[in-house]
Amino acid sequence: MKSKKRNPKLMVATNMPPLYHKLPGEKYSRNNSEVLKWLSERPGLIEYIFDQASNAKEIYYNPATGRWQGADWEDED
């Protein structure tokens, strides 16, 4: 059996302490997720998500404005 190739950029998550994704006795809210908060505080993970979205052409750099935007963004003006 082949061992699964691990993504080194995600391996930072292997050091996550025990945290709640849904607080006991409460409805799930991503705003209250200890797991999402911990993950969002890891710059390497945020950069990985950015790279994935950029490489998949879900976001792109607009040289005319100097900003990044979603591929389906439509200005409402």
C-alpha atoms as a PDB file:
ATOM      1  CA  MET A   1       0.000   0.000   0.000  1.00  0.00           C
ATOM      2  CA  LYS A   2       1.361   3.407  -0.992  1.00  0.00           C
ATOM      3  CA  SER A   3       1.675   5.992   1.719  1.00  0.00           C
ATOM      4  CA  LYS A   4      -0.256   9.185   1.107  1.00  0.00           C
ATOM      5  CA  LYS A   5       1.930  12.110   0.058  1.00  0.00           C
ATOM      6  CA  ARG A   6       1.478  14.842   2.628  1.00  0.00           C
ATOM      7  CA  ASN A   7       1.272  18.472   1.666  1.00  0.00           C
ATOM      8  CA  PRO A   8       4.022  20.245   3.632  1.00  0.00           C
ATOM      9  CA  LYS A   9       2.071  23.515   3.598  1.00  0.00           C
ATOM     10  CA  LEU A  10      -0.798  21.843   5.447  1.00  0.00           C
ATOM     11  CA  MET A  11       1.403  20.034   7.939  1.00  0.00           C
ATOM     12  CA  VAL A  12       1.349  23.074  10.257  1.00  0.00           C
ATOM     13  CA  ALA A  13      -2.141  21.867  11.197  1.00  0.00           C
ATOM     14  CA  THR A  14      -0.643  18.708  12.722  1.00  0.00           C
ATOM     15  CA  ASN A  15       0.404  20.836  15.711  1.00  0.00           C
ATOM     16  CA  MET A  16      -3.085  22.180  16.396  1.00  0.00           C
ATOM     17  CA  PRO A  17      -4.086  21.748  20.056  1.00  0.00           C
ATOM     18  CA  PRO A  18      -7.511  20.338  20.982  1.00  0.00           C
ATOM     19  CA  LEU A  19     -10.083  22.949  19.940  1.00  0.00           C
ATOM     20  CA  TYR A  20     -13.821  23.131  19.336  1.00  0.00           C
ATOM     21  CA  HIS A  21     -15.192  23.647  15.845  1.00  0.00           C
ATOM     22  CA  LYS A  22     -18.702  23.821  17.328  1.00  0.00           C
ATOM     23  CA  LEU A  23     -18.900  24.977  20.913  1.00  0.00           C
ATOM     24  CA  PRO A  24     -20.683  22.501  23.200  1.00  0.00           C
ATOM     25  CA  GLY A  25     -24.357  23.282  23.648  1.00  0.00           C
ATOM     26  CA  GLU A  26     -24.383  25.952  20.942  1.00  0.00           C
ATOM     27  CA  LYS A  27     -25.373  26.035  17.288  1.00  0.00           C
ATOM     28  CA  TYR A  28     -22.464  25.957  14.871  1.00  0.00           C
ATOM     29  CA  SER A  29     -21.126  29.356  13.922  1.00  0.00           C
ATOM     30  CA  ARG A  30     -17.931  29.804  11.956  1.00  0.00           C
ATOM     31  CA  ASN A  31     -17.432  33.039  13.891  1.00  0.00           C
ATOM     32  CA  ASN A  32     -17.162  31.025  17.130  1.00  0.00           C
ATOM     33  CA  SER A  33     -15.053  28.152  15.777  1.00  0.00           C
ATOM     34  CA  GLU A  34     -11.832  27.812  17.732  1.00  0.00           C
ATOM     35  CA  VAL A  35     -10.464  25.627  14.919  1.00  0.00           C
ATOM     36  CA  LEU A  36     -11.076  28.229  12.200  1.00  0.00           C
ATOM     37  CA  LYS A  37      -9.619  30.975  14.389  1.00  0.00           C
ATOM     38  CA  TRP A  38      -6.467  28.939  15.031  1.00  0.00           C
ATOM     39  CA  LEU A  39      -6.069  28.042  11.356  1.00  0.00           C
ATOM     40  CA  SER A  40      -6.627  31.652  10.242  1.00  0.00           C
ATOM     41  CA  GLU A  41      -3.778  32.783  12.502  1.00  0.00           C
ATOM     42  CA  ARG A  42      -1.287  30.648  10.568  1.00  0.00           C
ATOM     43  CA  PRO A  43       0.187  32.842   7.799  1.00  0.00           C
ATOM     44  CA  GLY A  44       1.490  29.856   5.856  1.00  0.00           C
ATOM     45  CA  LEU A  45      -2.010  28.399   5.580  1.00  0.00           C
ATOM     46  CA  ILE A  46      -3.495  31.686   4.441  1.00  0.00           C
ATOM     47  CA  GLU A  47      -0.770  32.026   1.796  1.00  0.00           C
ATOM     48  CA  TYR A  48      -1.472  28.448   0.673  1.00  0.00           C
ATOM     49  CA  ILE A  49      -5.172  29.251   0.208  1.00  0.00           C
ATOM     50  CA  PHE A  50      -4.247  32.387  -1.743  1.00  0.00           C
ATOM     51  CA  ASP A  51      -1.885  30.387  -3.971  1.00  0.00           C
ATOM     52  CA  GLN A  52      -4.528  27.708  -4.579  1.00  0.00           C
ATOM     53  CA  ALA A  53      -7.181  30.283  -5.525  1.00  0.00           C
ATOM     54  CA  SER A  54      -4.746  32.147  -7.778  1.00  0.00           C
ATOM     55  CA  ASN A  55      -3.435  29.013  -9.509  1.00  0.00           C
ATOM     56  CA  ALA A  56      -7.001  27.830 -10.103  1.00  0.00           C
ATOM     57  CA  LYS A  57      -7.797  31.235 -11.669  1.00  0.00           C
ATOM     58  CA  GLU A  58     -10.532  31.831  -9.073  1.00  0.00           C
ATOM     59  CA  ILE A  59      -8.861  35.150  -8.294  1.00  0.00           C
ATOM     60  CA  TYR A  60      -6.593  37.230 -10.475  1.00  0.00           C
ATOM     61  CA  TYR A  61      -4.450  40.332 -10.385  1.00  0.00           C
ATOM     62  CA  ASN A  62      -5.773  43.340 -12.271  1.00  0.00           C
ATOM     63  CA  PRO A  63      -2.736  45.391 -13.344  1.00  0.00           C
ATOM     64  CA  ALA A  64      -4.950  48.349 -14.254  1.00  0.00           C
ATOM     65  CA  THR A  65      -6.119  48.736 -10.648  1.00  0.00           C
ATOM     66  CA  GLY A  66      -3.215  47.077  -8.821  1.00  0.00           C
ATOM     67  CA  ARG A  67      -5.712  44.874  -6.956  1.00  0.00           C
ATOM     68  CA  TRP A  68      -6.770  41.244  -6.847  1.00  0.00           C
ATOM     69  CA  GLN A  69     -10.364  40.257  -7.511  1.00  0.00           C
ATOM     70  CA  GLY A  70     -12.589  37.240  -7.927  1.00  0.00           C
ATOM     71  CA  ALA A  71     -12.907  35.789 -11.418  1.00  0.00           C
ATOM     72  CA  ASP A  72     -16.695  36.293 -11.357  1.00  0.00           C
ATOM     73  CA  TRP A  73     -16.691  39.713  -9.691  1.00  0.00           C
ATOM     74  CA  GLU A  74     -18.977  42.170 -11.393  1.00  0.00           C
ATOM     75  CA  ASP A  75     -18.916  45.808 -10.430  1.00  0.00           C
ATOM     76  CA  GLU A  76     -22.430  46.998  -9.617  1.00  0.00           C
ATOM     77  CA  ASP A  77     -21.794  50.538 -10.873  1.00  0.00           C
END
